[in-house]
Amino acid sequence: MTTKKSKTSITEAYTPVKTILISQPVPSRGNPYLDLEKEYNLKIDYRPFIHVEGLSAKEFREQRVYIDQYSAFVFLSRKAIENFFRLVEEMRLKVDPDWRYFCSSEAVANYLKKFIKFRKRKVFAGERSIRDVEKYILRHKDEKFLFPKSNITTDIVPNYFKDLGVELKESIMYKSVASDLSDLRDIFYDVLVFYSPLELESLYENFPDFTQGKTRIAVYGEKTKAAAESKNLFVNISAPTPKFRSMTMALEDYIKKTL
């Protein structure tokens, strides 16, 4: 990813697109980019710009949160479950059979089977959101709730518990950090695709002198678009929009304009 480029153009050139870099891993299910790659004879690479690292037991202890003082845990992802039980093991804590688990979905709840003897009366799963288990949260509102999370989260869950009048303690157990992209320094792509502001932060952490030049920037989501524009990047492609629900649709429309 060469960093020796001229300043970003503020006009759209629509020069041909042959290479695209997706700043995420290869999709594990139904890669939507394969048809695009084949149809337009593109070279599409995938490279995660960020990755997840678990906090060490020492880092976790600095928060002065004591897991064994809590009796109910709120999980929104498998990563949260993995890092929770990793820390429990590292700190040589015992998994209390009376602990209760409140999960945002069945998929998240089922992941608990890797770590505990699964008992349905101790595990509560929503369909898509933690709000789906509201009646169970209220039924057990006197439990001490802990919310294991990453360093990048919204206030949706804490605010929800506050509205319910149920006390909730948040605790960071893992974090998203920039990946090492140094091997891309001298590689050029026609289009860079970003799905989060953190991926843009990773780009500049790896290449502080990056300038856009002829590289087209594609972004997903308003926050990602705002992050790109805050770095004086010209956003050529964005999704979702009323016209383009997905990134592949937006990319295909743009590519057609370059033919």
C-alpha atoms as a PDB file:
ATOM      1  CA  MET A   1       0.000   0.000   0.000  1.00  0.00           C
ATOM      2  CA  THR A   2       2.139   2.790  -1.284  1.00  0.00           C
ATOM      3  CA  THR A   3       2.052   5.984   0.721  1.00  0.00           C
ATOM      4  CA  LYS A   4       3.767   8.091  -1.916  1.00  0.00           C
ATOM      5  CA  LYS A   5       0.732   9.642  -3.530  1.00  0.00           C
ATOM      6  CA  SER A   6      -0.428  13.099  -4.417  1.00  0.00           C
ATOM      7  CA  LYS A   7      -3.119  14.915  -2.416  1.00  0.00           C
ATOM      8  CA  THR A   8      -6.677  13.638  -2.551  1.00  0.00           C
ATOM      9  CA  SER A   9      -8.664  14.791  -5.563  1.00  0.00           C
ATOM     10  CA  ILE A  10     -12.022  16.361  -4.826  1.00  0.00           C
ATOM     11  CA  THR A  11     -13.430  15.271  -8.205  1.00  0.00           C
ATOM     12  CA  GLU A  12     -14.509  11.845  -9.378  1.00  0.00           C
ATOM     13  CA  ALA A  13     -12.257  10.429 -12.095  1.00  0.00           C
ATOM     14  CA  TYR A  14     -13.944   7.036 -12.666  1.00  0.00           C
ATOM     15  CA  THR A  15     -10.683   5.389 -13.710  1.00  0.00           C
ATOM     16  CA  PRO A  16     -10.808   1.587 -14.172  1.00  0.00           C
ATOM     17  CA  VAL A  17     -11.025  -0.652 -11.115  1.00  0.00           C
ATOM     18  CA  LYS A  18      -9.019  -3.867 -11.187  1.00  0.00           C
ATOM     19  CA  THR A  19      -7.974  -4.409  -7.575  1.00  0.00           C
ATOM     20  CA  ILE A  20      -9.904  -4.082  -4.313  1.00  0.00           C
ATOM     21  CA  LEU A  21      -8.812  -4.571  -0.716  1.00  0.00           C
ATOM     22  CA  ILE A  22     -11.490  -5.432   1.858  1.00  0.00           C
ATOM     23  CA  SER A  23     -10.296  -4.438   5.332  1.00  0.00           C
ATOM     24  CA  GLN A  24     -11.908  -7.508   6.932  1.00  0.00           C
ATOM     25  CA  PRO A  25     -11.433 -11.308   6.905  1.00  0.00           C
ATOM     26  CA  VAL A  26     -12.834 -13.429   4.101  1.00  0.00           C
ATOM     27  CA  PRO A  27     -16.567 -13.867   4.863  1.00  0.00           C
ATOM     28  CA  SER A  28     -17.103 -17.266   6.470  1.00  0.00           C
ATOM     29  CA  ARG A  29     -20.505 -17.742   4.886  1.00  0.00           C
ATOM     30  CA  GLY A  30     -21.679 -16.882   1.406  1.00  0.00           C
ATOM     31  CA  ASN A  31     -18.968 -14.465   0.268  1.00  0.00           C
ATOM     32  CA  PRO A  32     -20.921 -11.729  -1.593  1.00  0.00           C
ATOM     33  CA  TYR A  33     -17.795 -10.520  -3.387  1.00  0.00           C
ATOM     34  CA  LEU A  34     -17.152 -13.705  -5.387  1.00  0.00           C
ATOM     35  CA  ASP A  35     -19.740 -12.936  -8.082  1.00  0.00           C
ATOM     36  CA  LEU A  36     -18.433  -9.377  -8.360  1.00  0.00           C
ATOM     37  CA  GLU A  37     -14.864 -10.641  -8.736  1.00  0.00           C
ATOM     38  CA  LYS A  38     -15.826 -13.100 -11.462  1.00  0.00           C
ATOM     39  CA  GLU A  39     -18.209 -10.819 -13.358  1.00  0.00           C
ATOM     40  CA  TYR A  40     -15.742  -7.935 -13.683  1.00  0.00           C
ATOM     41  CA  ASN A  41     -12.455  -9.856 -13.665  1.00  0.00           C
ATOM     42  CA  LEU A  42     -11.286  -8.232 -10.431  1.00  0.00           C
ATOM     43  CA  LYS A  43      -8.619  -9.138  -7.924  1.00  0.00           C
ATOM     44  CA  ILE A  44     -10.197  -8.845  -4.475  1.00  0.00           C
ATOM     45  CA  ASP A  45      -8.034  -9.361  -1.391  1.00  0.00           C
ATOM     46  CA  TYR A  46      -9.083  -9.547   2.250  1.00  0.00           C
ATOM     47  CA  ARG A  47      -7.012  -8.311   5.139  1.00  0.00           C
ATOM     48  CA  PRO A  48      -8.318  -7.567   8.644  1.00  0.00           C
ATOM     49  CA  PHE A  49      -7.168  -4.074   9.617  1.00  0.00           C
ATOM     50  CA  ILE A  50      -8.104  -4.713  13.243  1.00  0.00           C
ATOM     51  CA  HIS A  51      -8.134  -7.749  15.519  1.00  0.00           C
ATOM     52  CA  VAL A  52      -9.320  -8.637  18.994  1.00  0.00           C
ATOM     53  CA  GLU A  53      -6.966  -9.119  21.924  1.00  0.00           C
ATOM     54  CA  GLY A  54      -8.055 -10.261  25.351  1.00  0.00           C
ATOM     55  CA  LEU A  55      -7.006  -8.284  28.397  1.00  0.00           C
ATOM     56  CA  SER A  56      -4.489 -10.011  30.616  1.00  0.00           C
ATOM     57  CA  ALA A  57      -5.523 -10.856  34.171  1.00  0.00           C
ATOM     58  CA  LYS A  58      -3.282  -8.013  35.349  1.00  0.00           C
ATOM     59  CA  GLU A  59      -4.941  -5.504  32.994  1.00  0.00           C
ATOM     60  CA  PHE A  60      -8.370  -6.705  34.038  1.00  0.00           C
ATOM     61  CA  ARG A  61      -7.597  -6.356  37.749  1.00  0.00           C
ATOM     62  CA  GLU A  62      -6.747  -2.680  37.215  1.00  0.00           C
ATOM     63  CA  GLN A  63     -10.476  -2.072  36.720  1.00  0.00           C
ATOM     64  CA  ARG A  64     -11.109  -3.247  40.300  1.00  0.00           C
ATOM     65  CA  VAL A  65     -13.916  -5.510  39.163  1.00  0.00           C
ATOM     66  CA  TYR A  66     -14.241  -8.822  40.973  1.00  0.00           C
ATOM     67  CA  ILE A  67     -16.083 -11.448  38.944  1.00  0.00           C
ATOM     68  CA  ASP A  68     -16.919 -13.634  41.913  1.00  0.00           C
ATOM     69  CA  GLN A  69     -18.897 -10.764  43.444  1.00  0.00           C
ATOM     70  CA  TYR A  70     -21.431 -11.002  40.600  1.00  0.00           C
ATOM     71  CA  SER A  71     -24.143 -13.575  39.979  1.00  0.00           C
ATOM     72  CA  ALA A  72     -25.576 -12.673  36.563  1.00  0.00           C
ATOM     73  CA  PHE A  73     -23.755 -11.953  33.302  1.00  0.00           C
ATOM     74  CA  VAL A  74     -24.885 -10.251  30.101  1.00  0.00           C
ATOM     75  CA  PHE A  75     -23.370 -11.539  26.850  1.00  0.00           C
ATOM     76  CA  LEU A  76     -23.825 -10.058  23.386  1.00  0.00           C
ATOM     77  CA  SER A  77     -21.179 -12.092  21.558  1.00  0.00           C
ATOM     78  CA  ARG A  78     -19.074 -15.228  21.529  1.00  0.00           C
ATOM     79  CA  LYS A  79     -15.946 -13.104  21.996  1.00  0.00           C
ATOM     80  CA  ALA A  80     -17.359 -11.820  25.266  1.00  0.00           C
ATOM     81  CA  ILE A  81     -18.008 -15.382  26.446  1.00  0.00           C
ATOM     82  CA  GLU A  82     -14.548 -16.593  25.390  1.00  0.00           C
ATOM     83  CA  ASN A  83     -12.733 -13.819  27.194  1.00  0.00           C
ATOM     84  CA  PHE A  84     -14.919 -14.001  30.286  1.00  0.00           C
ATOM     85  CA  PHE A  85     -14.167 -17.675  30.868  1.00  0.00           C
ATOM     86  CA  ARG A  86     -10.513 -17.215  29.883  1.00  0.00           C
ATOM     87  CA  LEU A  87     -10.136 -14.625  32.633  1.00  0.00           C
ATOM     88  CA  VAL A  88     -12.046 -16.810  35.082  1.00  0.00           C
ATOM     89  CA  GLU A  89      -9.541 -19.586  34.398  1.00  0.00           C
ATOM     90  CA  GLU A  90      -6.463 -17.334  34.476  1.00  0.00           C
ATOM     91  CA  MET A  91      -7.502 -15.899  37.817  1.00  0.00           C
ATOM     92  CA  ARG A  92      -8.282 -19.392  39.125  1.00  0.00           C
ATOM     93  CA  LEU A  93     -11.868 -18.572  39.964  1.00  0.00           C
ATOM     94  CA  LYS A  94     -14.552 -21.194  40.273  1.00  0.00           C
ATOM     95  CA  VAL A  95     -17.532 -21.183  37.959  1.00  0.00           C
ATOM     96  CA  ASP A  96     -20.499 -20.980  40.295  1.00  0.00           C
ATOM     97  CA  PRO A  97     -23.278 -23.368  39.180  1.00  0.00           C
ATOM     98  CA  ASP A  98     -25.802 -20.780  40.382  1.00  0.00           C
ATOM     99  CA  TRP A  99     -24.572 -18.061  38.022  1.00  0.00           C
ATOM    100  CA  ARG A 100     -27.173 -16.858  35.520  1.00  0.00           C
ATOM    101  CA  TYR A 101     -26.461 -15.866  31.926  1.00  0.00           C
ATOM    102  CA  PHE A 102     -28.505 -13.410  29.838  1.00  0.00           C
ATOM    103  CA  CYS A 103     -27.689 -13.599  26.122  1.00  0.00           C
ATOM    104  CA  SER A 104     -28.756 -11.546  23.128  1.00  0.00           C
ATOM    105  CA  SER A 105     -29.451 -14.602  20.929  1.00  0.00           C
ATOM    106  CA  GLU A 106     -29.700 -18.384  20.868  1.00  0.00           C
ATOM    107  CA  ALA A 107     -26.398 -18.599  18.975  1.00  0.00           C
ATOM    108  CA  VAL A 108     -24.621 -16.704  21.736  1.00  0.00           C
ATOM    109  CA  ALA A 109     -26.345 -18.722  24.455  1.00  0.00           C
ATOM    110  CA  ASN A 110     -25.483 -22.047  22.823  1.00  0.00           C
ATOM    111  CA  TYR A 111     -21.814 -21.067  22.829  1.00  0.00           C
ATOM    112  CA  LEU A 112     -21.914 -21.289  26.626  1.00  0.00           C
ATOM    113  CA  LYS A 113     -22.020 -25.082  26.242  1.00  0.00           C
ATOM    114  CA  LYS A 114     -18.284 -24.986  25.581  1.00  0.00           C
ATOM    115  CA  PHE A 115     -17.655 -23.633  29.067  1.00  0.00           C
ATOM    116  CA  ILE A 116     -20.417 -24.692  31.439  1.00  0.00           C
ATOM    117  CA  LYS A 117     -22.867 -27.455  32.137  1.00  0.00           C
ATOM    118  CA  PHE A 118     -25.779 -25.956  30.248  1.00  0.00           C
ATOM    119  CA  ARG A 119     -28.957 -25.593  32.287  1.00  0.00           C
ATOM    120  CA  LYS A 120     -31.836 -23.813  30.612  1.00  0.00           C
ATOM    121  CA  ARG A 121     -33.195 -22.385  33.829  1.00  0.00           C
ATOM    122  CA  LYS A 122     -29.876 -20.546  34.266  1.00  0.00           C
ATOM    123  CA  VAL A 123     -29.501 -19.345  30.664  1.00  0.00           C
ATOM    124  CA  PHE A 124     -31.852 -16.850  29.015  1.00  0.00           C
ATOM    125  CA  ALA A 125     -31.622 -16.081  25.299  1.00  0.00           C
ATOM    126  CA  GLY A 126     -33.256 -13.429  23.149  1.00  0.00           C
ATOM    127  CA  GLU A 127     -34.071 -13.744  19.473  1.00  0.00           C
ATOM    128  CA  ARG A 128     -31.839 -10.892  18.332  1.00  0.00           C
ATOM    129  CA  SER A 129     -31.482  -8.476  21.237  1.00  0.00           C
ATOM    130  CA  ILE A 130     -30.960  -8.432  24.987  1.00  0.00           C
ATOM    131  CA  ARG A 131     -34.289  -6.599  25.143  1.00  0.00           C
ATOM    132  CA  ASP A 132     -35.966  -9.911  24.261  1.00  0.00           C
ATOM    133  CA  VAL A 133     -35.166 -11.269  27.728  1.00  0.00           C
ATOM    134  CA  GLU A 134     -36.536  -8.266  29.602  1.00  0.00           C
ATOM    135  CA  LYS A 135     -39.040 -10.295  31.623  1.00  0.00           C
ATOM    136  CA  TYR A 136     -36.264 -12.571  32.865  1.00  0.00           C
ATOM    137  CA  ILE A 137     -34.011  -9.629  33.746  1.00  0.00           C
ATOM    138  CA  LEU A 138     -36.843  -8.105  35.775  1.00  0.00           C
ATOM    139  CA  ARG A 139     -37.608 -11.452  37.364  1.00  0.00           C
ATOM    140  CA  HIS A 140     -34.007 -11.596  38.585  1.00  0.00           C
ATOM    141  CA  LYS A 141     -33.462  -7.872  39.097  1.00  0.00           C
ATOM    142  CA  ASP A 142     -31.958  -8.426  42.539  1.00  0.00           C
ATOM    143  CA  GLU A 143     -29.033 -10.362  41.060  1.00  0.00           C
ATOM    144  CA  LYS A 144     -25.715  -8.529  40.668  1.00  0.00           C
ATOM    145  CA  PHE A 145     -25.295  -8.047  36.905  1.00  0.00           C
ATOM    146  CA  LEU A 146     -21.944  -7.788  35.110  1.00  0.00           C
ATOM    147  CA  PHE A 147     -21.615  -6.855  31.427  1.00  0.00           C
ATOM    148  CA  PRO A 148     -18.355  -8.194  29.874  1.00  0.00           C
ATOM    149  CA  LYS A 149     -17.552  -6.058  26.829  1.00  0.00           C
ATOM    150  CA  SER A 150     -14.882  -4.734  24.485  1.00  0.00           C
ATOM    151  CA  ASN A 151     -13.273  -1.326  24.550  1.00  0.00           C
ATOM    152  CA  ILE A 152     -15.546  -0.308  21.665  1.00  0.00           C
ATOM    153  CA  THR A 153     -19.211  -0.454  22.627  1.00  0.00           C
ATOM    154  CA  THR A 154     -22.218   1.826  22.743  1.00  0.00           C
ATOM    155  CA  ASP A 155     -24.253   2.815  25.793  1.00  0.00           C
ATOM    156  CA  ILE A 156     -27.306   0.900  24.556  1.00  0.00           C
ATOM    157  CA  VAL A 157     -27.101  -1.942  27.097  1.00  0.00           C
ATOM    158  CA  PRO A 158     -26.194   0.214  30.140  1.00  0.00           C
ATOM    159  CA  ASN A 159     -28.917   2.705  29.263  1.00  0.00           C
ATOM    160  CA  TYR A 160     -31.421  -0.113  28.809  1.00  0.00           C
ATOM    161  CA  PHE A 161     -30.675  -1.529  32.258  1.00  0.00           C
ATOM    162  CA  LYS A 162     -30.876   1.968  33.708  1.00  0.00           C
ATOM    163  CA  ASP A 163     -34.347   2.400  32.194  1.00  0.00           C
ATOM    164  CA  LEU A 164     -35.356  -0.908  33.753  1.00  0.00           C
ATOM    165  CA  GLY A 165     -34.071   0.231  37.129  1.00  0.00           C
ATOM    166  CA  VAL A 166     -31.652  -2.715  37.294  1.00  0.00           C
ATOM    167  CA  GLU A 167     -28.083  -2.143  38.431  1.00  0.00           C
ATOM    168  CA  LEU A 168     -25.442  -3.176  35.889  1.00  0.00           C
ATOM    169  CA  LYS A 169     -21.645  -3.059  36.099  1.00  0.00           C
ATOM    170  CA  GLU A 170     -19.652  -2.835  32.862  1.00  0.00           C
ATOM    171  CA  SER A 171     -16.217  -4.383  32.484  1.00  0.00           C
ATOM    172  CA  ILE A 172     -13.808  -4.394  29.535  1.00  0.00           C
ATOM    173  CA  MET A 173     -12.421  -7.889  28.957  1.00  0.00           C
ATOM    174  CA  TYR A 174     -11.116  -7.611  25.386  1.00  0.00           C
ATOM    175  CA  LYS A 175     -10.171  -4.866  22.964  1.00  0.00           C
ATOM    176  CA  SER A 176      -9.983  -4.145  19.243  1.00  0.00           C
ATOM    177  CA  VAL A 177      -6.509  -3.081  18.146  1.00  0.00           C
ATOM    178  CA  ALA A 178      -4.771  -2.200  14.894  1.00  0.00           C
ATOM    179  CA  SER A 179      -3.240  -5.104  12.973  1.00  0.00           C
ATOM    180  CA  ASP A 180       0.275  -4.962  11.564  1.00  0.00           C
ATOM    181  CA  LEU A 181      -0.072  -3.991   7.891  1.00  0.00           C
ATOM    182  CA  SER A 182       3.583  -3.166   7.218  1.00  0.00           C
ATOM    183  CA  ASP A 183       3.809  -5.741   4.406  1.00  0.00           C
ATOM    184  CA  LEU A 184       1.256  -3.699   2.425  1.00  0.00           C
ATOM    185  CA  ARG A 185       3.399  -0.567   2.342  1.00  0.00           C
ATOM    186  CA  ASP A 186       4.422  -0.883  -1.306  1.00  0.00           C
ATOM    187  CA  ILE A 187       1.227  -2.479  -2.606  1.00  0.00           C
ATOM    188  CA  PHE A 188      -1.352  -0.371  -4.426  1.00  0.00           C
ATOM    189  CA  TYR A 189      -5.099  -1.072  -4.658  1.00  0.00           C
ATOM    190  CA  ASP A 190      -7.631   0.780  -6.787  1.00  0.00           C
ATOM    191  CA  VAL A 191     -10.268   0.608  -4.023  1.00  0.00           C
ATOM    192  CA  LEU A 192      -9.963   0.313  -0.246  1.00  0.00           C
ATOM    193  CA  VAL A 193     -13.157  -0.828   1.519  1.00  0.00           C
ATOM    194  CA  PHE A 194     -13.729   0.117   5.171  1.00  0.00           C
ATOM    195  CA  TYR A 195     -16.512  -1.077   7.459  1.00  0.00           C
ATOM    196  CA  SER A 196     -15.657   0.777  10.662  1.00  0.00           C
ATOM    197  CA  PRO A 197     -13.887   3.908  11.927  1.00  0.00           C
ATOM    198  CA  LEU A 198     -11.382   1.649  13.710  1.00  0.00           C
ATOM    199  CA  GLU A 199     -10.212   0.246  10.378  1.00  0.00           C
ATOM    200  CA  LEU A 200      -9.429   3.774   9.231  1.00  0.00           C
ATOM    201  CA  GLU A 201      -7.529   4.401  12.462  1.00  0.00           C
ATOM    202  CA  SER A 202      -5.517   1.274  11.751  1.00  0.00           C
ATOM    203  CA  LEU A 203      -4.676   2.528   8.259  1.00  0.00           C
ATOM    204  CA  TYR A 204      -3.155   5.723   9.642  1.00  0.00           C
ATOM    205  CA  GLU A 205      -1.509   3.977  12.584  1.00  0.00           C
ATOM    206  CA  ASN A 206       0.323   1.774  10.098  1.00  0.00           C
ATOM    207  CA  PHE A 207       0.858   4.474   7.475  1.00  0.00           C
ATOM    208  CA  PRO A 208       0.853   7.945   9.090  1.00  0.00           C
ATOM    209  CA  ASP A 209       1.884   9.539   5.791  1.00  0.00           C
ATOM    210  CA  PHE A 210      -0.907   7.936   3.757  1.00  0.00           C
ATOM    211  CA  THR A 211      -2.498  10.169   1.129  1.00  0.00           C
ATOM    212  CA  GLN A 212      -5.305   9.075  -1.132  1.00  0.00           C
ATOM    213  CA  GLY A 213      -4.092   9.982  -4.595  1.00  0.00           C
ATOM    214  CA  LYS A 214      -5.846   7.765  -7.155  1.00  0.00           C
ATOM    215  CA  THR A 215      -7.101   5.293  -4.567  1.00  0.00           C
ATOM    216  CA  ARG A 216     -10.878   5.113  -4.312  1.00  0.00           C
ATOM    217  CA  ILE A 217     -12.355   4.935  -0.811  1.00  0.00           C
ATOM    218  CA  ALA A 218     -15.463   2.838  -0.095  1.00  0.00           C
ATOM    219  CA  VAL A 219     -17.166   3.027   3.305  1.00  0.00           C
ATOM    220  CA  TYR A 220     -20.019   1.237   5.029  1.00  0.00           C
ATOM    221  CA  GLY A 221     -22.104   3.226   7.486  1.00  0.00           C
ATOM    222  CA  GLU A 222     -22.397   6.885   8.366  1.00  0.00           C
ATOM    223  CA  LYS A 223     -19.862   6.709  11.208  1.00  0.00           C
ATOM    224  CA  THR A 224     -17.262   5.191   8.895  1.00  0.00           C
ATOM    225  CA  LYS A 225     -17.988   7.830   6.278  1.00  0.00           C
ATOM    226  CA  ALA A 226     -17.618  10.604   8.854  1.00  0.00           C
ATOM    227  CA  ALA A 227     -14.327   9.105  10.046  1.00  0.00           C
ATOM    228  CA  ALA A 228     -12.992   9.022   6.482  1.00  0.00           C
ATOM    229  CA  GLU A 229     -14.012  12.601   5.795  1.00  0.00           C
ATOM    230  CA  SER A 230     -12.483  13.750   9.086  1.00  0.00           C
ATOM    231  CA  LYS A 231      -9.156  12.545   7.689  1.00  0.00           C
ATOM    232  CA  ASN A 232      -9.728  14.569   4.522  1.00  0.00           C
ATOM    233  CA  LEU A 233     -10.360  11.486   2.420  1.00  0.00           C
ATOM    234  CA  PHE A 234     -12.692  11.728  -0.554  1.00  0.00           C
ATOM    235  CA  VAL A 235     -15.386   9.047  -0.229  1.00  0.00           C
ATOM    236  CA  ASN A 236     -16.108   7.620  -3.676  1.00  0.00           C
ATOM    237  CA  ILE A 237     -18.420   4.779  -2.690  1.00  0.00           C
ATOM    238  CA  SER A 238     -20.762   4.467   0.277  1.00  0.00           C
ATOM    239  CA  ALA A 239     -23.421   2.103   1.557  1.00  0.00           C
ATOM    240  CA  PRO A 240     -26.033   1.458   2.716  1.00  0.00           C
ATOM    241  CA  THR A 241     -28.171   4.005   0.908  1.00  0.00           C
ATOM    242  CA  PRO A 242     -31.777   3.934  -0.330  1.00  0.00           C
ATOM    243  CA  LYS A 243     -30.376   2.895  -3.715  1.00  0.00           C
ATOM    244  CA  PHE A 244     -27.641   0.501  -2.566  1.00  0.00           C
ATOM    245  CA  ARG A 245     -28.446  -1.701   0.429  1.00  0.00           C
ATOM    246  CA  SER A 246     -25.091  -3.463   0.388  1.00  0.00           C
ATOM    247  CA  MET A 247     -21.460  -2.661  -0.280  1.00  0.00           C
ATOM    248  CA  THR A 248     -21.360  -5.055  -3.227  1.00  0.00           C
ATOM    249  CA  MET A 249     -24.257  -3.212  -4.887  1.00  0.00           C
ATOM    250  CA  ALA A 250     -22.519   0.140  -4.413  1.00  0.00           C
ATOM    251  CA  LEU A 251     -19.216  -1.233  -5.694  1.00  0.00           C
ATOM    252  CA  GLU A 252     -20.835  -2.770  -8.770  1.00  0.00           C
ATOM    253  CA  ASP A 253     -22.555   0.497  -9.671  1.00  0.00           C
ATOM    254  CA  TYR A 254     -19.250   2.340  -9.378  1.00  0.00           C
ATOM    255  CA  ILE A 255     -17.339  -0.257 -11.376  1.00  0.00           C
ATOM    256  CA  LYS A 256     -19.876  -0.057 -14.192  1.00  0.00           C
ATOM    257  CA  LYS A 257     -19.188   3.685 -14.446  1.00  0.00           C
ATOM    258  CA  THR A 258     -15.501   2.985 -14.972  1.00  0.00           C
ATOM    259  CA  LEU A 259     -15.959   0.588 -17.907  1.00  0.00           C
END
